[in-house]
Amino acid sequence: MSTPMLPADGSYIELTSYGETLPDVRVVQATAALITLSLALDDLPAADAEVTLRWAAAPRGRYAVAGNVAAVDGNRVRVTLSGEPAIEQSRGYVRGGGGEPIVLILPGQAAAEGTIHDLSEGAVRAHFTDVEVAAGDDITLRMQVGDEIVEFPARAVKVNSVRQQIPRRGPLIVELVAVFTTADEHQARIIRRYIFSQQLKARAAARGS
């Protein structure tokens, strides 16, 4: 792997793990086989987690490479690379969304309604209230994207819960990151089209402001 393809030591890249993307992850050292990163303690991926790293490849876009977390030491994460970085086409990785309704279905529990925070063709991050769900749970997610409804079997990979305390004790706020466990290209296309349409609307609004 040529050195220009690698992110520079001290530069900032993007890390995606289990559908959650962290921007501004600092590179400590990059070699052809291993990249050492510095992250906030709250953002550390699990050992052995599959991750994707992305960084700028001006003027053509950005590089992307898959890898696995080999070790976590304090706030340092060492990622072994699965191959060489490749230029990523914009249509190959589509994510966006925010504010769409979502329903979480767990065996033995009433369906829980929530709100999408971030959506891609393979994963979703959403917020719910007063739902009992843990990392590793197999769940079903039903989402409305535009005028259509899609439904995926999924697995919860990251769950954060905090009880509202201000101005008074309130509901349990749950942030869930889940990955879809069954590929459905038809439904993935529905999500892809929806996200692209939202991006076009946002660009048009920005030009008009």
N, C-alpha and C. Protein backbone atom coordinates (compact mmCIF):
# COMPACT_ATOMS: atom_id res chain seq x y z
N MET A 1 0.85 -1.19 0.00
CA MET A 1 0.00 0.00 0.00
C MET A 1 0.88 1.24 0.00
N SER A 2 0.64 2.16 -0.89
CA SER A 2 1.48 3.34 -0.96
C SER A 2 1.13 4.31 0.16
N THR A 3 2.15 5.02 0.65
CA THR A 3 1.96 5.95 1.76
C THR A 3 0.93 7.03 1.47
N PRO A 4 0.86 7.62 0.25
CA PRO A 4 -0.14 8.66 0.01
C PRO A 4 -1.57 8.20 0.19
N MET A 5 -1.83 6.88 0.08
CA MET A 5 -3.19 6.38 0.27
C MET A 5 -3.60 6.40 1.73
N LEU A 6 -2.65 6.38 2.65
CA LEU A 6 -2.95 6.31 4.07
C LEU A 6 -3.22 7.70 4.64
N PRO A 7 -4.06 7.78 5.69
CA PRO A 7 -4.24 9.08 6.35
C PRO A 7 -2.97 9.48 7.07
N ALA A 8 -2.67 10.75 7.10
CA ALA A 8 -1.44 11.24 7.75
C ALA A 8 -1.56 11.13 9.27
N ASP A 9 -0.44 10.85 9.92
CA ASP A 9 -0.43 10.86 11.39
C ASP A 9 -0.86 12.23 11.89
N GLY A 10 -1.79 12.24 12.85
CA GLY A 10 -2.28 13.50 13.38
C GLY A 10 -3.50 14.04 12.66
N SER A 11 -3.87 13.41 11.52
CA SER A 11 -5.06 13.86 10.79
C SER A 11 -6.32 13.28 11.42
N TYR A 12 -7.46 13.71 10.93
CA TYR A 12 -8.75 13.26 11.47
C TYR A 12 -9.52 12.52 10.39
N ILE A 13 -10.10 11.40 10.77
CA ILE A 13 -10.83 10.56 9.84
C ILE A 13 -12.21 10.23 10.44
N GLU A 14 -12.98 9.44 9.69
CA GLU A 14 -14.31 9.03 10.12
C GLU A 14 -14.30 7.53 10.38
N LEU A 15 -14.91 7.11 11.48
CA LEU A 15 -14.99 5.70 11.83
C LEU A 15 -16.45 5.29 11.96
N THR A 16 -16.82 4.20 11.28
CA THR A 16 -18.18 3.66 11.39
C THR A 16 -18.12 2.27 11.98
N SER A 17 -18.93 2.03 13.02
CA SER A 17 -19.01 0.72 13.66
C SER A 17 -20.45 0.47 14.06
N TYR A 18 -20.99 -0.67 13.63
CA TYR A 18 -22.38 -1.04 13.95
C TYR A 18 -23.36 0.06 13.56
N GLY A 19 -23.12 0.69 12.42
CA GLY A 19 -24.05 1.69 11.92
C GLY A 19 -23.89 3.08 12.51
N GLU A 20 -23.03 3.24 13.51
CA GLU A 20 -22.82 4.54 14.14
C GLU A 20 -21.52 5.14 13.61
N THR A 21 -21.59 6.37 13.13
CA THR A 21 -20.43 7.02 12.54
C THR A 21 -19.89 8.10 13.46
N LEU A 22 -18.58 8.05 13.71
CA LEU A 22 -17.91 9.05 14.53
C LEU A 22 -17.00 9.88 13.63
N PRO A 23 -17.26 11.17 13.51
CA PRO A 23 -16.36 12.03 12.73
C PRO A 23 -15.19 12.48 13.60
N ASP A 24 -14.19 13.05 13.00
CA ASP A 24 -13.08 13.68 13.73
C ASP A 24 -12.38 12.73 14.70
N VAL A 25 -12.10 11.51 14.24
CA VAL A 25 -11.30 10.55 15.00
C VAL A 25 -9.84 10.77 14.62
N ARG A 26 -8.98 10.99 15.60
CA ARG A 26 -7.58 11.36 15.31
C ARG A 26 -6.73 10.12 15.05
N VAL A 27 -5.90 10.22 14.00
CA VAL A 27 -4.95 9.17 13.66
C VAL A 27 -3.66 9.38 14.45
N VAL A 28 -3.28 8.38 15.24
CA VAL A 28 -2.01 8.44 15.97
C VAL A 28 -0.88 7.96 15.07
N GLN A 29 -1.09 6.83 14.42
CA GLN A 29 -0.07 6.28 13.51
C GLN A 29 -0.76 5.37 12.49
N ALA A 30 -0.34 5.45 11.24
CA ALA A 30 -0.92 4.63 10.19
C ALA A 30 0.17 3.89 9.44
N THR A 31 0.02 2.56 9.33
CA THR A 31 0.90 1.74 8.52
C THR A 31 0.05 0.93 7.56
N ALA A 32 0.69 0.16 6.71
CA ALA A 32 -0.04 -0.60 5.70
C ALA A 32 -0.97 -1.64 6.32
N ALA A 33 -0.67 -2.12 7.51
CA ALA A 33 -1.46 -3.18 8.12
C ALA A 33 -2.26 -2.74 9.33
N LEU A 34 -1.88 -1.61 9.93
CA LEU A 34 -2.47 -1.24 11.22
C LEU A 34 -2.58 0.28 11.34
N ILE A 35 -3.73 0.73 11.82
CA ILE A 35 -3.92 2.16 12.10
C ILE A 35 -4.29 2.31 13.57
N THR A 36 -3.55 3.15 14.28
CA THR A 36 -3.84 3.43 15.69
C THR A 36 -4.58 4.75 15.78
N LEU A 37 -5.71 4.74 16.50
CA LEU A 37 -6.58 5.90 16.59
C LEU A 37 -6.73 6.34 18.03
N SER A 38 -7.08 7.61 18.20
CA SER A 38 -7.37 8.16 19.52
C SER A 38 -8.83 8.61 19.53
N LEU A 39 -9.61 8.07 20.50
CA LEU A 39 -11.03 8.38 20.59
C LEU A 39 -11.39 8.80 22.01
N ALA A 40 -12.53 9.48 22.13
CA ALA A 40 -13.08 9.74 23.46
C ALA A 40 -13.48 8.42 24.09
N LEU A 41 -13.35 8.31 25.42
CA LEU A 41 -13.62 7.05 26.10
C LEU A 41 -15.06 6.58 25.88
N ASP A 42 -15.99 7.52 25.75
CA ASP A 42 -17.39 7.15 25.55
C ASP A 42 -17.66 6.60 24.16
N ASP A 43 -16.72 6.77 23.24
CA ASP A 43 -16.94 6.38 21.84
C ASP A 43 -16.16 5.14 21.44
N LEU A 44 -15.52 4.47 22.39
CA LEU A 44 -14.65 3.34 22.03
C LEU A 44 -15.47 2.18 21.47
N PRO A 45 -15.08 1.64 20.30
CA PRO A 45 -15.75 0.44 19.79
C PRO A 45 -15.30 -0.78 20.58
N ALA A 46 -16.06 -1.85 20.48
CA ALA A 46 -15.73 -3.07 21.20
C ALA A 46 -14.54 -3.77 20.53
N ALA A 47 -13.79 -4.52 21.33
CA ALA A 47 -12.70 -5.33 20.78
C ALA A 47 -13.28 -6.32 19.78
N ASP A 48 -12.59 -6.53 18.68
CA ASP A 48 -12.99 -7.43 17.59
C ASP A 48 -14.12 -6.88 16.73
N ALA A 49 -14.60 -5.67 17.02
CA ALA A 49 -15.69 -5.09 16.21
C ALA A 49 -15.21 -4.84 14.80
N GLU A 50 -16.11 -5.03 13.84
CA GLU A 50 -15.83 -4.66 12.45
C GLU A 50 -16.07 -3.17 12.28
N VAL A 51 -15.13 -2.49 11.65
CA VAL A 51 -15.25 -1.05 11.47
C VAL A 51 -14.90 -0.69 10.03
N THR A 52 -15.32 0.51 9.64
CA THR A 52 -14.92 1.07 8.35
C THR A 52 -14.34 2.45 8.60
N LEU A 53 -13.18 2.71 8.02
CA LEU A 53 -12.51 3.99 8.16
C LEU A 53 -12.60 4.74 6.84
N ARG A 54 -12.82 6.06 6.92
CA ARG A 54 -12.92 6.89 5.72
C ARG A 54 -12.14 8.18 5.93
N TRP A 55 -11.49 8.65 4.85
CA TRP A 55 -10.78 9.92 4.91
C TRP A 55 -10.70 10.50 3.51
N ALA A 56 -10.34 11.75 3.45
CA ALA A 56 -10.39 12.50 2.19
C ALA A 56 -9.42 11.93 1.16
N ALA A 57 -9.87 11.94 -0.10
CA ALA A 57 -9.04 11.52 -1.23
C ALA A 57 -9.19 12.57 -2.32
N ALA A 58 -8.91 13.83 -1.98
CA ALA A 58 -9.11 14.94 -2.91
C ALA A 58 -8.29 14.71 -4.18
N PRO A 59 -8.81 15.11 -5.36
CA PRO A 59 -10.12 15.74 -5.55
C PRO A 59 -11.22 14.74 -5.86
N ARG A 60 -10.98 13.43 -5.66
CA ARG A 60 -11.90 12.42 -6.16
C ARG A 60 -12.96 11.99 -5.15
N GLY A 61 -12.89 12.43 -3.92
CA GLY A 61 -13.88 11.99 -2.94
C GLY A 61 -13.21 11.55 -1.66
N ARG A 62 -13.34 10.27 -1.31
CA ARG A 62 -12.72 9.80 -0.09
C ARG A 62 -12.37 8.32 -0.20
N TYR A 63 -11.34 7.95 0.59
CA TYR A 63 -10.96 6.55 0.69
C TYR A 63 -11.82 5.87 1.74
N ALA A 64 -12.01 4.55 1.58
CA ALA A 64 -12.69 3.74 2.57
C ALA A 64 -11.96 2.41 2.67
N VAL A 65 -11.83 1.91 3.91
CA VAL A 65 -11.20 0.61 4.12
C VAL A 65 -11.85 -0.05 5.33
N ALA A 66 -12.09 -1.35 5.22
CA ALA A 66 -12.67 -2.10 6.33
C ALA A 66 -11.55 -2.64 7.21
N GLY A 67 -11.88 -2.90 8.46
CA GLY A 67 -10.90 -3.44 9.39
C GLY A 67 -11.57 -4.01 10.62
N ASN A 68 -10.74 -4.51 11.53
CA ASN A 68 -11.23 -5.06 12.80
C ASN A 68 -10.44 -4.45 13.94
N VAL A 69 -11.13 -4.20 15.04
CA VAL A 69 -10.47 -3.67 16.23
C VAL A 69 -9.61 -4.77 16.83
N ALA A 70 -8.30 -4.58 16.81
CA ALA A 70 -7.37 -5.58 17.32
C ALA A 70 -7.12 -5.42 18.80
N ALA A 71 -7.15 -4.16 19.29
CA ALA A 71 -6.88 -3.93 20.71
C ALA A 71 -7.40 -2.56 21.10
N VAL A 72 -7.81 -2.45 22.36
CA VAL A 72 -8.22 -1.19 22.95
C VAL A 72 -7.39 -0.97 24.20
N ASP A 73 -6.67 0.14 24.26
CA ASP A 73 -5.80 0.45 25.39
C ASP A 73 -6.06 1.88 25.82
N GLY A 74 -6.85 2.07 26.89
CA GLY A 74 -7.24 3.41 27.29
C GLY A 74 -8.11 4.01 26.21
N ASN A 75 -7.69 5.17 25.68
CA ASN A 75 -8.46 5.78 24.59
C ASN A 75 -7.84 5.50 23.23
N ARG A 76 -6.87 4.58 23.18
CA ARG A 76 -6.22 4.21 21.93
C ARG A 76 -6.85 2.93 21.38
N VAL A 77 -7.14 2.96 20.10
CA VAL A 77 -7.74 1.80 19.43
C VAL A 77 -6.87 1.43 18.24
N ARG A 78 -6.46 0.17 18.18
CA ARG A 78 -5.65 -0.31 17.06
C ARG A 78 -6.55 -1.13 16.13
N VAL A 79 -6.55 -0.74 14.87
CA VAL A 79 -7.40 -1.38 13.86
C VAL A 79 -6.53 -2.05 12.81
N THR A 80 -6.71 -3.36 12.63
CA THR A 80 -6.02 -4.07 11.56
C THR A 80 -6.86 -3.95 10.30
N LEU A 81 -6.23 -3.65 9.18
CA LEU A 81 -6.93 -3.41 7.93
C LEU A 81 -7.17 -4.72 7.19
N SER A 82 -8.37 -4.84 6.58
CA SER A 82 -8.74 -6.06 5.87
C SER A 82 -8.29 -6.05 4.41
N GLY A 83 -7.87 -4.90 3.93
CA GLY A 83 -7.45 -4.79 2.54
C GLY A 83 -6.85 -3.42 2.31
N GLU A 84 -6.81 -3.00 1.05
CA GLU A 84 -6.29 -1.68 0.72
C GLU A 84 -7.43 -0.68 0.59
N PRO A 85 -7.18 0.59 0.93
CA PRO A 85 -8.22 1.61 0.77
C PRO A 85 -8.65 1.72 -0.69
N ALA A 86 -9.94 1.99 -0.87
CA ALA A 86 -10.48 2.16 -2.22
C ALA A 86 -11.29 3.45 -2.26
N ILE A 87 -11.29 4.08 -3.42
CA ILE A 87 -12.12 5.27 -3.60
C ILE A 87 -13.58 4.85 -3.50
N GLU A 88 -14.32 5.53 -2.67
CA GLU A 88 -15.72 5.19 -2.43
C GLU A 88 -16.62 6.09 -3.26
N GLN A 89 -17.50 5.47 -4.02
CA GLN A 89 -18.48 6.22 -4.79
C GLN A 89 -19.58 6.70 -3.85
N SER A 90 -20.12 7.85 -4.11
CA SER A 90 -21.12 8.42 -3.21
C SER A 90 -22.35 7.54 -3.08
N ARG A 91 -22.73 6.81 -4.13
CA ARG A 91 -23.92 5.99 -4.06
C ARG A 91 -23.70 4.70 -3.30
N GLY A 92 -22.41 4.40 -2.99
CA GLY A 92 -22.13 3.17 -2.29
C GLY A 92 -22.29 3.27 -0.79
N TYR A 93 -22.50 4.45 -0.28
CA TYR A 93 -22.64 4.62 1.16
C TYR A 93 -23.56 5.79 1.40
N VAL A 94 -24.79 5.51 1.71
CA VAL A 94 -25.79 6.56 1.83
C VAL A 94 -26.35 6.55 3.24
N ARG A 95 -26.30 7.69 3.89
CA ARG A 95 -26.86 7.78 5.23
C ARG A 95 -27.42 9.18 5.43
N GLY A 96 -28.37 9.29 6.28
CA GLY A 96 -29.01 10.58 6.53
C GLY A 96 -30.23 10.37 7.40
N GLY A 97 -31.27 11.13 7.11
CA GLY A 97 -32.50 10.97 7.87
C GLY A 97 -32.46 11.75 9.17
N GLY A 98 -33.56 11.65 9.89
CA GLY A 98 -33.69 12.32 11.18
C GLY A 98 -35.10 12.83 11.37
N GLY A 99 -35.77 12.35 12.42
CA GLY A 99 -37.11 12.79 12.73
C GLY A 99 -38.22 11.86 12.27
N GLU A 100 -37.88 10.83 11.49
CA GLU A 100 -38.90 9.92 11.00
C GLU A 100 -39.39 8.99 12.12
N PRO A 101 -40.67 8.58 12.09
CA PRO A 101 -41.17 7.67 13.11
C PRO A 101 -40.64 6.25 12.92
N ILE A 102 -40.46 5.55 14.03
CA ILE A 102 -39.97 4.18 14.00
C ILE A 102 -40.65 3.40 15.13
N VAL A 103 -40.90 2.14 14.90
CA VAL A 103 -41.52 1.27 15.90
C VAL A 103 -40.58 0.11 16.18
N LEU A 104 -40.32 -0.14 17.47
CA LEU A 104 -39.47 -1.24 17.91
C LEU A 104 -40.36 -2.35 18.46
N ILE A 105 -40.17 -3.57 17.95
CA ILE A 105 -40.98 -4.70 18.38
C ILE A 105 -40.06 -5.74 19.01
N LEU A 106 -40.33 -6.03 20.29
CA LEU A 106 -39.57 -7.02 21.04
C LEU A 106 -40.53 -8.10 21.53
N PRO A 107 -40.16 -9.37 21.45
CA PRO A 107 -41.04 -10.43 21.95
C PRO A 107 -41.40 -10.20 23.42
N GLY A 108 -42.68 -10.30 23.74
CA GLY A 108 -43.12 -10.17 25.12
C GLY A 108 -43.32 -8.75 25.60
N GLN A 109 -43.09 -7.76 24.72
CA GLN A 109 -43.28 -6.37 25.10
C GLN A 109 -44.22 -5.69 24.11
N ALA A 110 -44.87 -4.64 24.60
CA ALA A 110 -45.69 -3.82 23.72
C ALA A 110 -44.78 -3.09 22.74
N ALA A 111 -45.25 -2.88 21.53
CA ALA A 111 -44.48 -2.14 20.53
C ALA A 111 -44.17 -0.74 21.06
N ALA A 112 -42.93 -0.29 20.86
CA ALA A 112 -42.50 1.01 21.34
C ALA A 112 -42.29 1.95 20.16
N GLU A 113 -42.86 3.14 20.25
CA GLU A 113 -42.70 4.14 19.20
C GLU A 113 -41.53 5.05 19.53
N GLY A 114 -40.77 5.40 18.50
CA GLY A 114 -39.62 6.27 18.70
C GLY A 114 -39.39 7.16 17.50
N THR A 115 -38.21 7.78 17.49
CA THR A 115 -37.86 8.72 16.43
C THR A 115 -36.46 8.40 15.91
N ILE A 116 -36.32 8.37 14.60
CA ILE A 116 -35.01 8.10 13.98
C ILE A 116 -34.11 9.32 14.14
N HIS A 117 -32.86 9.04 14.49
CA HIS A 117 -31.84 10.10 14.54
C HIS A 117 -30.93 10.03 13.32
N ASP A 118 -30.63 8.81 12.88
CA ASP A 118 -29.69 8.62 11.77
C ASP A 118 -30.02 7.30 11.09
N LEU A 119 -30.04 7.27 9.76
CA LEU A 119 -30.49 6.09 9.03
C LEU A 119 -29.58 5.81 7.85
N SER A 120 -29.27 4.52 7.64
CA SER A 120 -28.56 4.10 6.43
C SER A 120 -29.23 2.84 5.91
N GLU A 121 -28.68 2.29 4.83
CA GLU A 121 -29.28 1.08 4.26
C GLU A 121 -29.04 -0.16 5.11
N GLY A 122 -28.12 -0.07 6.07
CA GLY A 122 -27.80 -1.25 6.87
C GLY A 122 -27.99 -1.09 8.35
N ALA A 123 -28.34 0.11 8.80
CA ALA A 123 -28.43 0.33 10.25
C ALA A 123 -29.25 1.58 10.53
N VAL A 124 -29.61 1.73 11.79
CA VAL A 124 -30.37 2.90 12.22
C VAL A 124 -29.98 3.25 13.65
N ARG A 125 -30.00 4.55 13.94
CA ARG A 125 -29.88 5.02 15.32
C ARG A 125 -31.16 5.77 15.64
N ALA A 126 -31.78 5.44 16.76
CA ALA A 126 -33.09 6.01 17.08
C ALA A 126 -33.22 6.21 18.58
N HIS A 127 -34.21 7.03 18.95
CA HIS A 127 -34.50 7.30 20.36
C HIS A 127 -35.89 6.79 20.71
N PHE A 128 -35.99 6.17 21.89
CA PHE A 128 -37.26 5.67 22.41
C PHE A 128 -37.37 6.10 23.88
N THR A 129 -38.54 5.91 24.45
CA THR A 129 -38.72 6.17 25.88
C THR A 129 -39.30 4.92 26.54
N ASP A 130 -38.78 4.63 27.74
CA ASP A 130 -39.31 3.57 28.59
C ASP A 130 -39.45 2.23 27.87
N VAL A 131 -38.38 1.82 27.18
CA VAL A 131 -38.37 0.51 26.54
C VAL A 131 -37.21 -0.29 27.11
N GLU A 132 -37.43 -1.57 27.36
CA GLU A 132 -36.39 -2.45 27.91
C GLU A 132 -35.73 -3.21 26.76
N VAL A 133 -34.55 -2.77 26.39
CA VAL A 133 -33.81 -3.40 25.31
C VAL A 133 -32.34 -3.36 25.67
N ALA A 134 -31.60 -4.40 25.30
CA ALA A 134 -30.18 -4.49 25.64
C ALA A 134 -29.38 -4.85 24.40
N ALA A 135 -28.11 -4.47 24.40
CA ALA A 135 -27.22 -4.84 23.29
C ALA A 135 -27.23 -6.35 23.12
N GLY A 136 -27.37 -6.80 21.89
CA GLY A 136 -27.44 -8.21 21.58
C GLY A 136 -28.84 -8.73 21.36
N ASP A 137 -29.86 -7.95 21.74
CA ASP A 137 -31.25 -8.38 21.55
C ASP A 137 -31.60 -8.41 20.07
N ASP A 138 -32.32 -9.45 19.68
CA ASP A 138 -32.88 -9.52 18.32
C ASP A 138 -34.25 -8.84 18.35
N ILE A 139 -34.44 -7.89 17.45
CA ILE A 139 -35.64 -7.07 17.45
C ILE A 139 -36.18 -6.94 16.03
N THR A 140 -37.34 -6.33 15.91
CA THR A 140 -37.89 -5.97 14.61
C THR A 140 -38.13 -4.47 14.60
N LEU A 141 -37.75 -3.81 13.52
CA LEU A 141 -37.90 -2.37 13.39
C LEU A 141 -38.78 -2.06 12.19
N ARG A 142 -39.79 -1.24 12.43
CA ARG A 142 -40.69 -0.80 11.36
C ARG A 142 -40.57 0.71 11.24
N MET A 143 -40.25 1.20 10.04
CA MET A 143 -39.97 2.62 9.85
C MET A 143 -40.80 3.19 8.72
N GLN A 144 -41.18 4.43 8.88
CA GLN A 144 -41.84 5.14 7.79
C GLN A 144 -40.85 6.09 7.16
N VAL A 145 -40.59 5.89 5.88
CA VAL A 145 -39.68 6.76 5.13
C VAL A 145 -40.48 7.36 3.99
N GLY A 146 -40.79 8.62 4.12
CA GLY A 146 -41.66 9.25 3.13
C GLY A 146 -43.05 8.66 3.22
N ASP A 147 -43.57 8.20 2.08
CA ASP A 147 -44.90 7.62 2.02
C ASP A 147 -44.89 6.10 2.18
N GLU A 148 -43.72 5.51 2.40
CA GLU A 148 -43.62 4.06 2.45
C GLU A 148 -43.16 3.58 3.81
N ILE A 149 -43.51 2.33 4.12
CA ILE A 149 -43.13 1.71 5.38
C ILE A 149 -42.24 0.51 5.07
N VAL A 150 -41.10 0.42 5.77
CA VAL A 150 -40.19 -0.71 5.62
C VAL A 150 -40.04 -1.39 6.98
N GLU A 151 -39.73 -2.67 6.95
CA GLU A 151 -39.59 -3.43 8.19
C GLU A 151 -38.43 -4.39 8.07
N PHE A 152 -37.55 -4.40 9.09
CA PHE A 152 -36.36 -5.24 9.07
C PHE A 152 -36.21 -5.99 10.39
N PRO A 153 -35.81 -7.26 10.34
CA PRO A 153 -35.26 -7.88 11.55
C PRO A 153 -33.90 -7.24 11.81
N ALA A 154 -33.58 -7.02 13.06
CA ALA A 154 -32.35 -6.29 13.39
C ALA A 154 -31.78 -6.81 14.70
N ARG A 155 -30.57 -6.38 14.99
CA ARG A 155 -29.93 -6.70 16.28
C ARG A 155 -29.44 -5.41 16.93
N ALA A 156 -29.81 -5.21 18.18
CA ALA A 156 -29.32 -4.05 18.93
C ALA A 156 -27.84 -4.24 19.21
N VAL A 157 -27.02 -3.26 18.84
CA VAL A 157 -25.57 -3.38 19.05
C VAL A 157 -25.05 -2.35 20.05
N LYS A 158 -25.83 -1.31 20.30
CA LYS A 158 -25.42 -0.31 21.29
C LYS A 158 -26.67 0.32 21.88
N VAL A 159 -26.75 0.33 23.21
CA VAL A 159 -27.91 0.89 23.89
C VAL A 159 -27.43 1.79 25.02
N ASN A 160 -27.87 3.04 25.02
CA ASN A 160 -27.58 3.98 26.10
C ASN A 160 -28.90 4.47 26.68
N SER A 161 -29.03 4.42 28.00
CA SER A 161 -30.26 4.83 28.67
C SER A 161 -29.96 5.86 29.74
N VAL A 162 -30.79 6.89 29.82
CA VAL A 162 -30.64 7.90 30.87
C VAL A 162 -32.02 8.36 31.30
N ARG A 163 -32.21 8.52 32.60
CA ARG A 163 -33.49 8.96 33.13
C ARG A 163 -33.56 10.48 33.15
N GLN A 164 -34.63 11.02 32.56
CA GLN A 164 -34.82 12.47 32.60
C GLN A 164 -34.99 12.93 34.05
N GLN A 165 -34.22 13.96 34.45
CA GLN A 165 -34.26 14.45 35.83
C GLN A 165 -34.71 15.89 35.94
N ILE A 166 -34.59 16.65 34.84
CA ILE A 166 -34.89 18.09 34.88
C ILE A 166 -36.00 18.39 33.88
N PRO A 167 -37.03 19.18 34.24
CA PRO A 167 -37.20 19.87 35.53
C PRO A 167 -37.70 18.95 36.64
N ARG A 168 -38.13 17.72 36.31
CA ARG A 168 -38.54 16.74 37.31
C ARG A 168 -38.27 15.36 36.75
N ARG A 169 -38.28 14.38 37.63
CA ARG A 169 -38.02 13.00 37.20
C ARG A 169 -39.04 12.60 36.14
N GLY A 170 -38.52 12.09 35.03
CA GLY A 170 -39.39 11.78 33.90
C GLY A 170 -39.09 10.42 33.32
N PRO A 171 -39.38 10.23 32.03
CA PRO A 171 -39.23 8.90 31.41
C PRO A 171 -37.77 8.53 31.18
N LEU A 172 -37.55 7.24 30.96
CA LEU A 172 -36.23 6.74 30.60
C LEU A 172 -36.02 6.97 29.11
N ILE A 173 -34.98 7.74 28.78
CA ILE A 173 -34.66 8.03 27.38
C ILE A 173 -33.65 6.99 26.90
N VAL A 174 -33.98 6.30 25.82
CA VAL A 174 -33.13 5.21 25.33
C VAL A 174 -32.65 5.54 23.92
N GLU A 175 -31.33 5.54 23.73
CA GLU A 175 -30.74 5.67 22.39
C GLU A 175 -30.28 4.29 21.95
N LEU A 176 -30.75 3.89 20.78
CA LEU A 176 -30.48 2.55 20.28
C LEU A 176 -29.79 2.62 18.92
N VAL A 177 -28.71 1.84 18.77
CA VAL A 177 -28.09 1.61 17.47
C VAL A 177 -28.32 0.15 17.11
N ALA A 178 -28.92 -0.10 15.95
CA ALA A 178 -29.22 -1.46 15.53
C ALA A 178 -28.81 -1.67 14.09
N VAL A 179 -28.34 -2.88 13.78
CA VAL A 179 -27.99 -3.23 12.41
C VAL A 179 -29.02 -4.22 11.89
N PHE A 180 -29.37 -4.09 10.62
CA PHE A 180 -30.34 -4.98 10.01
C PHE A 180 -29.66 -6.33 9.77
N THR A 181 -30.32 -7.41 10.17
CA THR A 181 -29.69 -8.73 10.09
C THR A 181 -30.07 -9.51 8.85
N THR A 182 -31.05 -9.04 8.10
CA THR A 182 -31.44 -9.70 6.86
C THR A 182 -31.41 -8.68 5.73
N ALA A 183 -30.64 -8.98 4.70
CA ALA A 183 -30.54 -8.06 3.57
C ALA A 183 -31.83 -8.11 2.76
N ASP A 184 -32.35 -6.95 2.43
CA ASP A 184 -33.55 -6.84 1.59
C ASP A 184 -33.30 -5.68 0.63
N GLU A 185 -32.86 -6.02 -0.58
CA GLU A 185 -32.44 -4.99 -1.52
C GLU A 185 -33.59 -4.06 -1.90
N HIS A 186 -34.80 -4.61 -1.99
CA HIS A 186 -35.94 -3.77 -2.34
C HIS A 186 -36.15 -2.68 -1.28
N GLN A 187 -36.14 -3.07 -0.01
CA GLN A 187 -36.34 -2.09 1.05
C GLN A 187 -35.14 -1.17 1.19
N ALA A 188 -33.94 -1.70 0.93
CA ALA A 188 -32.75 -0.85 0.97
C ALA A 188 -32.83 0.23 -0.10
N ARG A 189 -33.38 -0.11 -1.28
CA ARG A 189 -33.55 0.89 -2.34
C ARG A 189 -34.55 1.97 -1.92
N ILE A 190 -35.60 1.56 -1.21
CA ILE A 190 -36.58 2.54 -0.73
C ILE A 190 -35.89 3.54 0.20
N ILE A 191 -35.06 3.03 1.13
CA ILE A 191 -34.33 3.92 2.04
C ILE A 191 -33.37 4.80 1.27
N ARG A 192 -32.66 4.21 0.29
CA ARG A 192 -31.67 4.96 -0.48
C ARG A 192 -32.33 6.11 -1.24
N ARG A 193 -33.45 5.82 -1.89
CA ARG A 193 -34.16 6.86 -2.64
C ARG A 193 -34.65 7.95 -1.70
N TYR A 194 -35.14 7.54 -0.54
CA TYR A 194 -35.66 8.53 0.41
C TYR A 194 -34.55 9.46 0.90
N ILE A 195 -33.41 8.90 1.25
CA ILE A 195 -32.31 9.72 1.75
C ILE A 195 -31.80 10.67 0.67
N PHE A 196 -31.68 10.17 -0.56
CA PHE A 196 -31.25 11.05 -1.64
C PHE A 196 -32.24 12.19 -1.85
N SER A 197 -33.53 11.89 -1.77
CA SER A 197 -34.53 12.96 -1.96
C SER A 197 -34.44 13.99 -0.85
N GLN A 198 -34.19 13.54 0.38
CA GLN A 198 -34.05 14.48 1.49
C GLN A 198 -32.81 15.35 1.32
N GLN A 199 -31.72 14.73 0.83
CA GLN A 199 -30.49 15.49 0.60
C GLN A 199 -30.70 16.55 -0.48
N LEU A 200 -31.42 16.19 -1.55
CA LEU A 200 -31.70 17.16 -2.61
C LEU A 200 -32.55 18.31 -2.09
N LYS A 201 -33.54 18.01 -1.26
CA LYS A 201 -34.38 19.06 -0.68
C LYS A 201 -33.56 19.99 0.21
N ALA A 202 -32.63 19.40 0.99
CA ALA A 202 -31.80 20.21 1.88
C ALA A 202 -30.89 21.14 1.08
N ARG A 203 -30.32 20.63 -0.04
CA ARG A 203 -29.45 21.45 -0.87
C ARG A 203 -30.25 22.58 -1.51
N ALA A 204 -31.47 22.25 -1.99
CA ALA A 204 -32.30 23.29 -2.60
C ALA A 204 -32.67 24.37 -1.60
N ALA A 205 -32.97 23.95 -0.37
CA ALA A 205 -33.31 24.92 0.67
C ALA A 205 -32.12 25.80 1.01
N ALA A 206 -30.91 25.18 1.03
CA ALA A 206 -29.72 25.96 1.35
C ALA A 206 -29.42 26.99 0.26
N ARG A 207 -29.65 26.59 -1.01
CA ARG A 207 -29.41 27.55 -2.09
C ARG A 207 -30.41 28.70 -2.07
N GLY A 208 -31.64 28.41 -1.61
CA GLY A 208 -32.66 29.42 -1.59
C GLY A 208 -32.63 30.35 -0.41
N SER A 209 -31.82 29.98 0.62
CA SER A 209 -31.78 30.80 1.84
C SER A 209 -30.83 31.98 1.67
